[in-house]
């Protein structure tokens, strides 16, 4: 994975925009679809990455199965993806949700092209069949997981599609490399997938979720953290992040370390959500806040396998 923040596929001065659409039920993609169409019509290159946690849970429950979540020793809650859950995951994300999003974008005039991380080996890395979990205060090893950590992005494939005028719409799964050399489709966190893509393209990452950004106090709307410009600011951001936001801050760090120009965490449900984020709404994290800071988000090695 190679970050190229000064070289953009269109030869221009603006980096690609990588938009991460959350999979929570409260996230309405309609505004983002219109914004992508606006950006593309004005010459900006865009890659869309989406999750689908709610859809996966709904399909599992329709089949009479309870979604299984585990807590890592680092305090991150994530999905445990066994073989049956992986089958549902493949149906829900690259099947139903990716198709729906591509159709919506094409109806908005965008030449969208749907992909999963498996296609062309776009997102690849080692499969993890065992994960460290915390149960009843004790650290344990839980086996049978189908997850992986992305360590390679085919940025040449994405750059070629962008140069040809396409807007890639990407979802997990990723291509998991087995110890015997074979590969298999495995779950990966969609926030971190978007981070890997943004880093590889040197892009600006816009993480759209169901809140306005990262808060010092999640119960106080007046404590929104606006700009994160330096290492001390980033340490404060990490300390403030709770719950699902912990993964997003972790993904922001990975994106910036990988070569992304900036990361924005903002509300998907406002008017023109992507443009609003790029114009300063929500929480903006500058590359200088992470690169060279020595900050190390807790639990990073343990948080694979969550799609959101």
C-alpha atoms as a PDB file:
ATOM      1  CA  UNK A   1       0.000   0.000   0.000  1.00  0.00           C
ATOM      2  CA  UNK A   2       1.606   3.217  -1.122  1.00  0.00           C
ATOM      3  CA  UNK A   3       0.444   6.668  -0.063  1.00  0.00           C
ATOM      4  CA  UNK A   4       0.956   9.324  -2.761  1.00  0.00           C
ATOM      5  CA  UNK A   5      -0.451  12.550  -1.305  1.00  0.00           C
ATOM      6  CA  UNK A   6       1.158  14.789  -3.949  1.00  0.00           C
ATOM      7  CA  UNK A   7       0.293  12.761  -7.053  1.00  0.00           C
ATOM      8  CA  UNK A   8      -3.375  12.581  -8.031  1.00  0.00           C
ATOM      9  CA  UNK A   9      -4.797  10.340 -10.694  1.00  0.00           C
ATOM     10  CA  UNK A  10      -6.377  13.223 -12.634  1.00  0.00           C
ATOM     11  CA  UNK A  11      -3.087  15.160 -12.681  1.00  0.00           C
ATOM     12  CA  UNK A  12      -4.752  18.012 -10.792  1.00  0.00           C
ATOM     13  CA  UNK A  13      -4.215  19.625  -7.439  1.00  0.00           C
ATOM     14  CA  UNK A  14      -7.125  18.126  -5.508  1.00  0.00           C
ATOM     15  CA  UNK A  15      -6.815  14.634  -4.064  1.00  0.00           C
ATOM     16  CA  UNK A  16      -9.544  12.034  -4.538  1.00  0.00           C
ATOM     17  CA  UNK A  17     -12.302  12.015  -1.942  1.00  0.00           C
ATOM     18  CA  UNK A  18     -12.865   8.659  -0.241  1.00  0.00           C
ATOM     19  CA  UNK A  19     -16.325   8.582   1.328  1.00  0.00           C
ATOM     20  CA  UNK A  20     -17.100   6.018   4.018  1.00  0.00           C
ATOM     21  CA  UNK A  21     -20.832   5.452   4.430  1.00  0.00           C
ATOM     22  CA  UNK A  22     -21.802   3.843   7.713  1.00  0.00           C
ATOM     23  CA  UNK A  23     -23.959   0.771   7.851  1.00  0.00           C
ATOM     24  CA  UNK A  24     -26.065   1.794  10.841  1.00  0.00           C
ATOM     25  CA  UNK A  25     -29.824   2.061  10.387  1.00  0.00           C
ATOM     26  CA  UNK A  26     -29.749   5.754  11.280  1.00  0.00           C
ATOM     27  CA  UNK A  27     -27.473   6.624   8.346  1.00  0.00           C
ATOM     28  CA  UNK A  28     -29.452   7.816   5.297  1.00  0.00           C
ATOM     29  CA  UNK A  29     -27.315   7.541   2.127  1.00  0.00           C
ATOM     30  CA  UNK A  30     -29.519   9.855   0.040  1.00  0.00           C
ATOM     31  CA  UNK A  31     -27.635  13.051   0.822  1.00  0.00           C
ATOM     32  CA  UNK A  32     -24.281  11.428   0.185  1.00  0.00           C
ATOM     33  CA  UNK A  33     -25.459  10.100  -3.183  1.00  0.00           C
ATOM     34  CA  UNK A  34     -26.429  13.599  -4.288  1.00  0.00           C
ATOM     35  CA  UNK A  35     -23.138  14.992  -3.032  1.00  0.00           C
ATOM     36  CA  UNK A  36     -21.096  12.372  -4.870  1.00  0.00           C
ATOM     37  CA  UNK A  37     -22.951  13.292  -8.050  1.00  0.00           C
ATOM     38  CA  UNK A  38     -22.191  16.981  -7.428  1.00  0.00           C
ATOM     39  CA  UNK A  39     -18.490  16.367  -6.807  1.00  0.00           C
ATOM     40  CA  UNK A  40     -18.076  14.087  -9.811  1.00  0.00           C
ATOM     41  CA  UNK A  41     -19.927  16.516 -12.090  1.00  0.00           C
ATOM     42  CA  UNK A  42     -17.444  19.175 -10.995  1.00  0.00           C
ATOM     43  CA  UNK A  43     -14.426  17.054 -11.831  1.00  0.00           C
ATOM     44  CA  UNK A  44     -13.573  15.594  -8.414  1.00  0.00           C
ATOM     45  CA  UNK A  45     -12.616  11.936  -8.215  1.00  0.00           C
ATOM     46  CA  UNK A  46     -14.569   9.981  -5.603  1.00  0.00           C
ATOM     47  CA  UNK A  47     -14.347   6.472  -4.173  1.00  0.00           C
ATOM     48  CA  UNK A  48     -17.239   5.262  -2.003  1.00  0.00           C
ATOM     49  CA  UNK A  49     -16.690   2.605   0.678  1.00  0.00           C
ATOM     50  CA  UNK A  50     -19.648   1.246   2.632  1.00  0.00           C
ATOM     51  CA  UNK A  51     -20.374  -1.098   5.489  1.00  0.00           C
ATOM     52  CA  UNK A  52     -23.621  -2.812   6.420  1.00  0.00           C
ATOM     53  CA  UNK A  53     -23.753  -3.951  10.035  1.00  0.00           C
ATOM     54  CA  UNK A  54     -27.504  -3.462  10.395  1.00  0.00           C
ATOM     55  CA  UNK A  55     -28.316  -5.411   7.232  1.00  0.00           C
ATOM     56  CA  UNK A  56     -26.082  -8.297   8.319  1.00  0.00           C
ATOM     57  CA  UNK A  57     -27.766  -8.401  11.729  1.00  0.00           C
ATOM     58  CA  UNK A  58     -31.230  -8.268  10.150  1.00  0.00           C
ATOM     59  CA  UNK A  59     -30.459 -11.151   7.785  1.00  0.00           C
ATOM     60  CA  UNK A  60     -28.939 -13.258  10.557  1.00  0.00           C
ATOM     61  CA  UNK A  61     -31.996 -12.699  12.748  1.00  0.00           C
ATOM     62  CA  UNK A  62     -34.306 -13.555   9.827  1.00  0.00           C
ATOM     63  CA  UNK A  63     -32.492 -16.890   9.644  1.00  0.00           C
ATOM     64  CA  UNK A  64     -33.033 -17.441  13.362  1.00  0.00           C
ATOM     65  CA  UNK A  65     -29.457 -16.637  14.386  1.00  0.00           C
ATOM     66  CA  UNK A  66     -28.233 -14.093  16.886  1.00  0.00           C
ATOM     67  CA  UNK A  67     -25.368 -11.835  15.732  1.00  0.00           C
ATOM     68  CA  UNK A  68     -22.285 -12.478  17.854  1.00  0.00           C
ATOM     69  CA  UNK A  69     -20.166  -9.619  19.137  1.00  0.00           C
ATOM     70  CA  UNK A  70     -17.034  -9.852  21.244  1.00  0.00           C
ATOM     71  CA  UNK A  71     -14.914  -7.392  23.194  1.00  0.00           C
ATOM     72  CA  UNK A  72     -11.185  -7.266  22.553  1.00  0.00           C
ATOM     73  CA  UNK A  73      -8.609  -6.773  25.322  1.00  0.00           C
ATOM     74  CA  UNK A  74      -8.182  -3.241  23.949  1.00  0.00           C
ATOM     75  CA  UNK A  75     -11.827  -2.471  24.733  1.00  0.00           C
ATOM     76  CA  UNK A  76     -13.097  -2.506  21.132  1.00  0.00           C
ATOM     77  CA  UNK A  77     -16.380  -4.333  20.487  1.00  0.00           C
ATOM     78  CA  UNK A  78     -16.496  -6.194  17.187  1.00  0.00           C
ATOM     79  CA  UNK A  79     -18.379  -8.838  15.291  1.00  0.00           C
ATOM     80  CA  UNK A  80     -17.260 -12.447  15.480  1.00  0.00           C
ATOM     81  CA  UNK A  81     -17.754 -13.812  11.972  1.00  0.00           C
ATOM     82  CA  UNK A  82     -18.106 -17.582  11.906  1.00  0.00           C
ATOM     83  CA  UNK A  83     -18.656 -19.555   8.695  1.00  0.00           C
ATOM     84  CA  UNK A  84     -22.436 -19.113   8.647  1.00  0.00           C
ATOM     85  CA  UNK A  85     -22.215 -15.396   9.410  1.00  0.00           C
ATOM     86  CA  UNK A  86     -19.661 -15.026   6.623  1.00  0.00           C
ATOM     87  CA  UNK A  87     -22.157 -16.409   4.108  1.00  0.00           C
ATOM     88  CA  UNK A  88     -24.717 -13.818   5.211  1.00  0.00           C
ATOM     89  CA  UNK A  89     -22.048 -11.125   5.115  1.00  0.00           C
ATOM     90  CA  UNK A  90     -21.244 -11.959   1.472  1.00  0.00           C
ATOM     91  CA  UNK A  91     -24.916 -11.764   0.545  1.00  0.00           C
ATOM     92  CA  UNK A  92     -25.604  -8.530   2.391  1.00  0.00           C
ATOM     93  CA  UNK A  93     -22.644  -6.279   1.544  1.00  0.00           C
ATOM     94  CA  UNK A  94     -21.271  -6.995  -1.950  1.00  0.00           C
ATOM     95  CA  UNK A  95     -24.663  -8.380  -2.953  1.00  0.00           C
ATOM     96  CA  UNK A  96     -27.669  -6.397  -1.748  1.00  0.00           C
ATOM     97  CA  UNK A  97     -26.215  -3.175  -0.323  1.00  0.00           C
ATOM     98  CA  UNK A  98     -23.521  -2.586  -2.933  1.00  0.00           C
ATOM     99  CA  UNK A  99     -26.004  -3.152  -5.751  1.00  0.00           C
ATOM    100  CA  UNK A 100     -28.534  -0.763  -4.211  1.00  0.00           C
ATOM    101  CA  UNK A 101     -25.911   1.948  -3.759  1.00  0.00           C
ATOM    102  CA  UNK A 102     -24.570   1.570  -7.298  1.00  0.00           C
ATOM    103  CA  UNK A 103     -28.109   1.813  -8.705  1.00  0.00           C
ATOM    104  CA  UNK A 104     -28.795   4.928  -6.633  1.00  0.00           C
ATOM    105  CA  UNK A 105     -25.604   6.598  -7.835  1.00  0.00           C
ATOM    106  CA  UNK A 106     -26.263   5.708 -11.469  1.00  0.00           C
ATOM    107  CA  UNK A 107     -29.757   7.175 -11.184  1.00  0.00           C
ATOM    108  CA  UNK A 108     -28.033  10.365  -9.957  1.00  0.00           C
ATOM    109  CA  UNK A 109     -25.878  10.450 -13.081  1.00  0.00           C
ATOM    110  CA  UNK A 110     -22.732   8.875 -11.617  1.00  0.00           C
ATOM    111  CA  UNK A 111     -20.889   6.190 -13.605  1.00  0.00           C
ATOM    112  CA  UNK A 112     -20.640   3.991 -10.508  1.00  0.00           C
ATOM    113  CA  UNK A 113     -18.970   0.600 -10.558  1.00  0.00           C
ATOM    114  CA  UNK A 114     -19.474  -1.862  -7.720  1.00  0.00           C
ATOM    115  CA  UNK A 115     -16.592  -3.872  -6.289  1.00  0.00           C
ATOM    116  CA  UNK A 116     -15.755  -5.882  -3.227  1.00  0.00           C
ATOM    117  CA  UNK A 117     -12.301  -6.102  -1.742  1.00  0.00           C
ATOM    118  CA  UNK A 118     -11.997  -9.568  -3.245  1.00  0.00           C
ATOM    119  CA  UNK A 119     -12.336  -8.340  -6.849  1.00  0.00           C
ATOM    120  CA  UNK A 120      -8.927  -8.133  -8.479  1.00  0.00           C
ATOM    121  CA  UNK A 121      -7.382  -8.659  -5.034  1.00  0.00           C
ATOM    122  CA  UNK A 122      -8.258  -5.037  -4.351  1.00  0.00           C
ATOM    123  CA  UNK A 123      -8.013  -5.362  -0.555  1.00  0.00           C
ATOM    124  CA  UNK A 124      -5.751  -8.139   0.724  1.00  0.00           C
ATOM    125  CA  UNK A 125      -3.986  -9.298   3.852  1.00  0.00           C
ATOM    126  CA  UNK A 126      -3.631 -12.234   6.220  1.00  0.00           C
ATOM    127  CA  UNK A 127      -6.722 -14.014   7.446  1.00  0.00           C
ATOM    128  CA  UNK A 128      -7.200 -14.273  11.205  1.00  0.00           C
ATOM    129  CA  UNK A 129      -8.991 -17.467  12.214  1.00  0.00           C
ATOM    130  CA  UNK A 130      -8.468 -16.849  15.930  1.00  0.00           C
ATOM    131  CA  UNK A 131      -9.069 -13.598  17.792  1.00  0.00           C
ATOM    132  CA  UNK A 132      -8.216 -12.392  21.286  1.00  0.00           C
ATOM    133  CA  UNK A 133     -11.330 -11.612  23.316  1.00  0.00           C
ATOM    134  CA  UNK A 134     -12.208 -10.531  26.821  1.00  0.00           C
ATOM    135  CA  UNK A 135     -14.885 -12.649  28.533  1.00  0.00           C
ATOM    136  CA  UNK A 136     -15.837 -12.175  32.176  1.00  0.00           C
ATOM    137  CA  UNK A 137     -12.692 -10.143  32.695  1.00  0.00           C
ATOM    138  CA  UNK A 138     -10.434 -12.910  31.320  1.00  0.00           C
ATOM    139  CA  UNK A 139      -8.425 -12.892  28.090  1.00  0.00           C
ATOM    140  CA  UNK A 140      -9.264 -15.838  25.831  1.00  0.00           C
ATOM    141  CA  UNK A 141      -8.581 -17.044  22.289  1.00  0.00           C
ATOM    142  CA  UNK A 142     -11.740 -17.586  20.222  1.00  0.00           C
ATOM    143  CA  UNK A 143     -11.270 -19.701  17.079  1.00  0.00           C
ATOM    144  CA  UNK A 144     -13.248 -20.041  13.852  1.00  0.00           C
ATOM    145  CA  UNK A 145     -13.301 -16.357  12.922  1.00  0.00           C
ATOM    146  CA  UNK A 146     -13.374 -15.243   9.285  1.00  0.00           C
ATOM    147  CA  UNK A 147     -11.700 -11.848   9.448  1.00  0.00           C
ATOM    148  CA  UNK A 148      -8.533 -10.193   8.277  1.00  0.00           C
ATOM    149  CA  UNK A 149      -6.371  -7.093   8.425  1.00  0.00           C
ATOM    150  CA  UNK A 150      -5.720  -5.225   5.173  1.00  0.00           C
ATOM    151  CA  UNK A 151      -2.042  -4.769   4.392  1.00  0.00           C
ATOM    152  CA  UNK A 152      -2.251  -4.262   0.621  1.00  0.00           C
ATOM    153  CA  UNK A 153      -4.473  -2.103  -1.601  1.00  0.00           C
ATOM    154  CA  UNK A 154      -4.358  -2.282  -5.393  1.00  0.00           C
ATOM    155  CA  UNK A 155      -4.268   1.483  -5.821  1.00  0.00           C
ATOM    156  CA  UNK A 156      -3.350   1.014  -9.492  1.00  0.00           C
ATOM    157  CA  UNK A 157      -6.705  -0.643 -10.143  1.00  0.00           C
ATOM    158  CA  UNK A 158      -8.589   2.148  -8.384  1.00  0.00           C
ATOM    159  CA  UNK A 159      -6.531   4.888 -10.080  1.00  0.00           C
ATOM    160  CA  UNK A 160      -7.199   3.322 -13.476  1.00  0.00           C
ATOM    161  CA  UNK A 161     -10.944   3.233 -12.862  1.00  0.00           C
ATOM    162  CA  UNK A 162     -10.929   6.845 -11.675  1.00  0.00           C
ATOM    163  CA  UNK A 163      -8.902   7.937 -14.695  1.00  0.00           C
ATOM    164  CA  UNK A 164     -11.466   6.246 -16.949  1.00  0.00           C
ATOM    165  CA  UNK A 165     -14.272   8.236 -15.352  1.00  0.00           C
ATOM    166  CA  UNK A 166     -15.722   5.580 -13.046  1.00  0.00           C
ATOM    167  CA  UNK A 167     -16.692   6.052  -9.414  1.00  0.00           C
ATOM    168  CA  UNK A 168     -15.743   2.842  -7.576  1.00  0.00           C
ATOM    169  CA  UNK A 169     -18.189   1.699  -4.896  1.00  0.00           C
ATOM    170  CA  UNK A 170     -16.351  -0.675  -2.629  1.00  0.00           C
ATOM    171  CA  UNK A 171     -17.361  -2.929   0.241  1.00  0.00           C
ATOM    172  CA  UNK A 172     -15.840  -5.738   2.274  1.00  0.00           C
ATOM    173  CA  UNK A 173     -15.096  -8.653   2.185  1.00  0.00           C
ATOM    174  CA  UNK A 174     -11.365  -8.568   1.635  1.00  0.00           C
ATOM    175  CA  UNK A 175      -9.127 -11.292   0.240  1.00  0.00           C
ATOM    176  CA  UNK A 176      -7.719 -13.214   3.194  1.00  0.00           C
ATOM    177  CA  UNK A 177      -4.444 -15.053   2.739  1.00  0.00           C
ATOM    178  CA  UNK A 178      -4.326 -18.468   4.421  1.00  0.00           C
ATOM    179  CA  UNK A 179      -1.175 -19.988   5.918  1.00  0.00           C
ATOM    180  CA  UNK A 180      -1.068 -22.600   3.116  1.00  0.00           C
ATOM    181  CA  UNK A 181      -0.986 -19.916   0.412  1.00  0.00           C
ATOM    182  CA  UNK A 182      -4.635 -20.141  -0.596  1.00  0.00           C
ATOM    183  CA  UNK A 183      -6.994 -17.176  -0.306  1.00  0.00           C
ATOM    184  CA  UNK A 184     -10.551 -16.824   0.944  1.00  0.00           C
ATOM    185  CA  UNK A 185     -13.106 -14.052   1.391  1.00  0.00           C
ATOM    186  CA  UNK A 186     -13.095 -12.698   4.946  1.00  0.00           C
ATOM    187  CA  UNK A 187     -14.732  -9.885   6.871  1.00  0.00           C
ATOM    188  CA  UNK A 188     -12.882  -6.661   7.570  1.00  0.00           C
ATOM    189  CA  UNK A 189     -13.822  -3.407   9.249  1.00  0.00           C
ATOM    190  CA  UNK A 190     -15.258  -1.043   6.634  1.00  0.00           C
ATOM    191  CA  UNK A 191     -13.881   2.052   8.410  1.00  0.00           C
ATOM    192  CA  UNK A 192     -10.396   0.613   8.205  1.00  0.00           C
ATOM    193  CA  UNK A 193     -10.963  -0.489   4.608  1.00  0.00           C
ATOM    194  CA  UNK A 194     -11.828   3.110   3.725  1.00  0.00           C
ATOM    195  CA  UNK A 195      -8.741   4.253   5.636  1.00  0.00           C
ATOM    196  CA  UNK A 196      -6.529   1.877   3.666  1.00  0.00           C
ATOM    197  CA  UNK A 197      -7.972   3.136   0.381  1.00  0.00           C
ATOM    198  CA  UNK A 198      -7.590   6.789   1.357  1.00  0.00           C
ATOM    199  CA  UNK A 199      -4.007   6.197   2.401  1.00  0.00           C
ATOM    200  CA  UNK A 200      -3.136   4.359  -0.801  1.00  0.00           C
ATOM    201  CA  UNK A 201      -4.638   7.108  -2.980  1.00  0.00           C
ATOM    202  CA  UNK A 202      -3.391  10.026  -0.885  1.00  0.00           C
ATOM    203  CA  UNK A 203      -7.017  11.080  -0.645  1.00  0.00           C
ATOM    204  CA  UNK A 204      -9.201  13.000   1.750  1.00  0.00           C
ATOM    205  CA  UNK A 205     -11.265  10.586   3.839  1.00  0.00           C
ATOM    206  CA  UNK A 206     -14.802  11.625   4.787  1.00  0.00           C
ATOM    207  CA  UNK A 207     -16.323   9.276   7.375  1.00  0.00           C
ATOM    208  CA  UNK A 208     -20.074   9.792   7.437  1.00  0.00           C
ATOM    209  CA  UNK A 209     -21.912   8.510  10.482  1.00  0.00           C
ATOM    210  CA  UNK A 210     -25.073   9.233  12.483  1.00  0.00           C
ATOM    211  CA  UNK A 211     -23.577  11.927  14.741  1.00  0.00           C
ATOM    212  CA  UNK A 212     -22.010  15.310  14.006  1.00  0.00           C
ATOM    213  CA  UNK A 213     -18.445  14.212  14.795  1.00  0.00           C
ATOM    214  CA  UNK A 214     -16.346  13.323  17.838  1.00  0.00           C
ATOM    215  CA  UNK A 215     -17.426  14.874  21.152  1.00  0.00           C
ATOM    216  CA  UNK A 216     -15.439  15.489  24.302  1.00  0.00           C
ATOM    217  CA  UNK A 217     -18.676  14.487  26.054  1.00  0.00           C
ATOM    218  CA  UNK A 218     -21.049  12.431  23.849  1.00  0.00           C
ATOM    219  CA  UNK A 219     -23.980  13.631  25.966  1.00  0.00           C
ATOM    220  CA  UNK A 220     -23.207  17.320  25.373  1.00  0.00           C
ATOM    221  CA  UNK A 221     -23.697  18.621  21.824  1.00  0.00           C
ATOM    222  CA  UNK A 222     -21.671  21.727  22.687  1.00  0.00           C
ATOM    223  CA  UNK A 223     -18.474  19.691  23.122  1.00  0.00           C
ATOM    224  CA  UNK A 224     -17.961  18.781  19.455  1.00  0.00           C
ATOM    225  CA  UNK A 225     -14.253  18.612  18.639  1.00  0.00           C
ATOM    226  CA  UNK A 226     -13.795  20.699  15.500  1.00  0.00           C
ATOM    227  CA  UNK A 227     -10.135  20.758  14.424  1.00  0.00           C
ATOM    228  CA  UNK A 228      -7.417  18.289  15.381  1.00  0.00           C
ATOM    229  CA  UNK A 229      -4.187  19.903  14.200  1.00  0.00           C
ATOM    230  CA  UNK A 230      -1.367  18.506  16.311  1.00  0.00           C
ATOM    231  CA  UNK A 231      -0.263  15.447  18.318  1.00  0.00           C
ATOM    232  CA  UNK A 232      -1.621  16.808  21.598  1.00  0.00           C
ATOM    233  CA  UNK A 233      -5.003  17.399  19.961  1.00  0.00           C
ATOM    234  CA  UNK A 234      -4.986  13.839  18.659  1.00  0.00           C
ATOM    235  CA  UNK A 235      -4.241  12.429  22.092  1.00  0.00           C
ATOM    236  CA  UNK A 236      -7.260  14.347  23.399  1.00  0.00           C
ATOM    237  CA  UNK A 237      -9.328  12.954  20.506  1.00  0.00           C
ATOM    238  CA  UNK A 238      -8.346   9.377  21.330  1.00  0.00           C
ATOM    239  CA  UNK A 239      -9.202   9.934  24.988  1.00  0.00           C
ATOM    240  CA  UNK A 240     -12.617  11.353  24.080  1.00  0.00           C
ATOM    241  CA  UNK A 241     -13.645   8.631  21.602  1.00  0.00           C
ATOM    242  CA  UNK A 242     -16.037   6.041  23.022  1.00  0.00           C
ATOM    243  CA  UNK A 243     -17.869   3.026  21.633  1.00  0.00           C
ATOM    244  CA  UNK A 244     -18.118   2.860  17.855  1.00  0.00           C
ATOM    245  CA  UNK A 245     -16.223   6.152  17.579  1.00  0.00           C
ATOM    246  CA  UNK A 246     -13.088   4.426  18.888  1.00  0.00           C
ATOM    247  CA  UNK A 247     -12.877   2.439  15.649  1.00  0.00           C
ATOM    248  CA  UNK A 248     -13.344   5.547  13.550  1.00  0.00           C
ATOM    249  CA  UNK A 249     -10.535   7.395  15.314  1.00  0.00           C
ATOM    250  CA  UNK A 250      -8.356   4.304  14.911  1.00  0.00           C
ATOM    251  CA  UNK A 251      -9.183   4.247  11.201  1.00  0.00           C
ATOM    252  CA  UNK A 252      -8.396   7.969  10.907  1.00  0.00           C
ATOM    253  CA  UNK A 253      -4.951   7.362  12.379  1.00  0.00           C
ATOM    254  CA  UNK A 254      -4.291   4.509   9.939  1.00  0.00           C
ATOM    255  CA  UNK A 255      -5.448   6.593   6.975  1.00  0.00           C
ATOM    256  CA  UNK A 256      -3.177   9.510   7.836  1.00  0.00           C
ATOM    257  CA  UNK A 257      -0.192   7.287   8.566  1.00  0.00           C
ATOM    258  CA  UNK A 258      -0.809   5.576   5.222  1.00  0.00           C
ATOM    259  CA  UNK A 259      -0.707   8.831   3.246  1.00  0.00           C
ATOM    260  CA  UNK A 260      -4.184  10.379   3.406  1.00  0.00           C
ATOM    261  CA  UNK A 261      -4.229  14.175   3.269  1.00  0.00           C
ATOM    262  CA  UNK A 262      -6.900  14.658   5.967  1.00  0.00           C
ATOM    263  CA  UNK A 263      -9.779  12.866   7.654  1.00  0.00           C
ATOM    264  CA  UNK A 264     -13.238  14.273   8.396  1.00  0.00           C
ATOM    265  CA  UNK A 265     -15.806  12.624  10.709  1.00  0.00           C
ATOM    266  CA  UNK A 266     -19.225  14.139  10.143  1.00  0.00           C
ATOM    267  CA  UNK A 267     -22.991  13.682  10.026  1.00  0.00           C
ATOM    268  CA  UNK A 268     -24.391  11.731   7.079  1.00  0.00           C
ATOM    269  CA  UNK A 269     -27.886  13.092   7.597  1.00  0.00           C
ATOM    270  CA  UNK A 270     -27.347  16.821   7.096  1.00  0.00           C
ATOM    271  CA  UNK A 271     -27.826  18.687   3.834  1.00  0.00           C
ATOM    272  CA  UNK A 272     -24.888  18.104   1.445  1.00  0.00           C
ATOM    273  CA  UNK A 273     -23.000  16.006   4.001  1.00  0.00           C
ATOM    274  CA  UNK A 274     -19.760  15.455   2.070  1.00  0.00           C
ATOM    275  CA  UNK A 275     -19.386  19.061   0.950  1.00  0.00           C
ATOM    276  CA  UNK A 276     -20.294  20.222   4.467  1.00  0.00           C
ATOM    277  CA  UNK A 277     -17.570  18.016   5.952  1.00  0.00           C
ATOM    278  CA  UNK A 278     -14.966  19.237   3.469  1.00  0.00           C
ATOM    279  CA  UNK A 279     -16.019  22.802   4.298  1.00  0.00           C
ATOM    280  CA  UNK A 280     -15.448  22.321   8.011  1.00  0.00           C
ATOM    281  CA  UNK A 281     -18.505  20.635   9.535  1.00  0.00           C
ATOM    282  CA  UNK A 282     -17.833  17.904  12.055  1.00  0.00           C
ATOM    283  CA  UNK A 283     -14.372  16.870  13.210  1.00  0.00           C
ATOM    284  CA  UNK A 284     -11.383  17.470  10.920  1.00  0.00           C
ATOM    285  CA  UNK A 285      -8.122  15.618  11.624  1.00  0.00           C
ATOM    286  CA  UNK A 286      -5.027  17.016   9.933  1.00  0.00           C
ATOM    287  CA  UNK A 287      -2.184  14.745   8.840  1.00  0.00           C
ATOM    288  CA  UNK A 288       0.232  16.631  11.092  1.00  0.00           C
ATOM    289  CA  UNK A 289      -1.782  15.461  14.108  1.00  0.00           C
ATOM    290  CA  UNK A 290      -0.725  11.873  13.524  1.00  0.00           C
ATOM    291  CA  UNK A 291       2.349  11.637  11.324  1.00  0.00           C
ATOM    292  CA  UNK A 292       5.385  11.732  13.584  1.00  0.00           C
ATOM    293  CA  UNK A 293       3.252  11.957  16.733  1.00  0.00           C
ATOM    294  CA  UNK A 294       4.120   8.494  18.002  1.00  0.00           C
ATOM    295  CA  UNK A 295       0.479   8.023  19.029  1.00  0.00           C
ATOM    296  CA  UNK A 296      -0.676   4.425  19.167  1.00  0.00           C
ATOM    297  CA  UNK A 297      -4.419   3.758  19.259  1.00  0.00           C
ATOM    298  CA  UNK A 298      -5.134   1.077  21.817  1.00  0.00           C
ATOM    299  CA  UNK A 299      -6.502  -2.196  20.540  1.00  0.00           C
ATOM    300  CA  UNK A 300      -5.502  -1.722  16.902  1.00  0.00           C
ATOM    301  CA  UNK A 301      -4.344  -5.290  16.432  1.00  0.00           C
ATOM    302  CA  UNK A 302      -7.531  -6.671  17.925  1.00  0.00           C
ATOM    303  CA  UNK A 303     -10.229  -4.792  16.057  1.00  0.00           C
ATOM    304  CA  UNK A 304     -10.511  -6.668  12.757  1.00  0.00           C
ATOM    305  CA  UNK A 305     -13.762  -8.282  11.843  1.00  0.00           C
ATOM    306  CA  UNK A 306     -16.111  -5.399  12.551  1.00  0.00           C
ATOM    307  CA  UNK A 307     -18.135  -3.953   9.698  1.00  0.00           C
ATOM    308  CA  UNK A 308     -19.996  -0.741  10.329  1.00  0.00           C
END
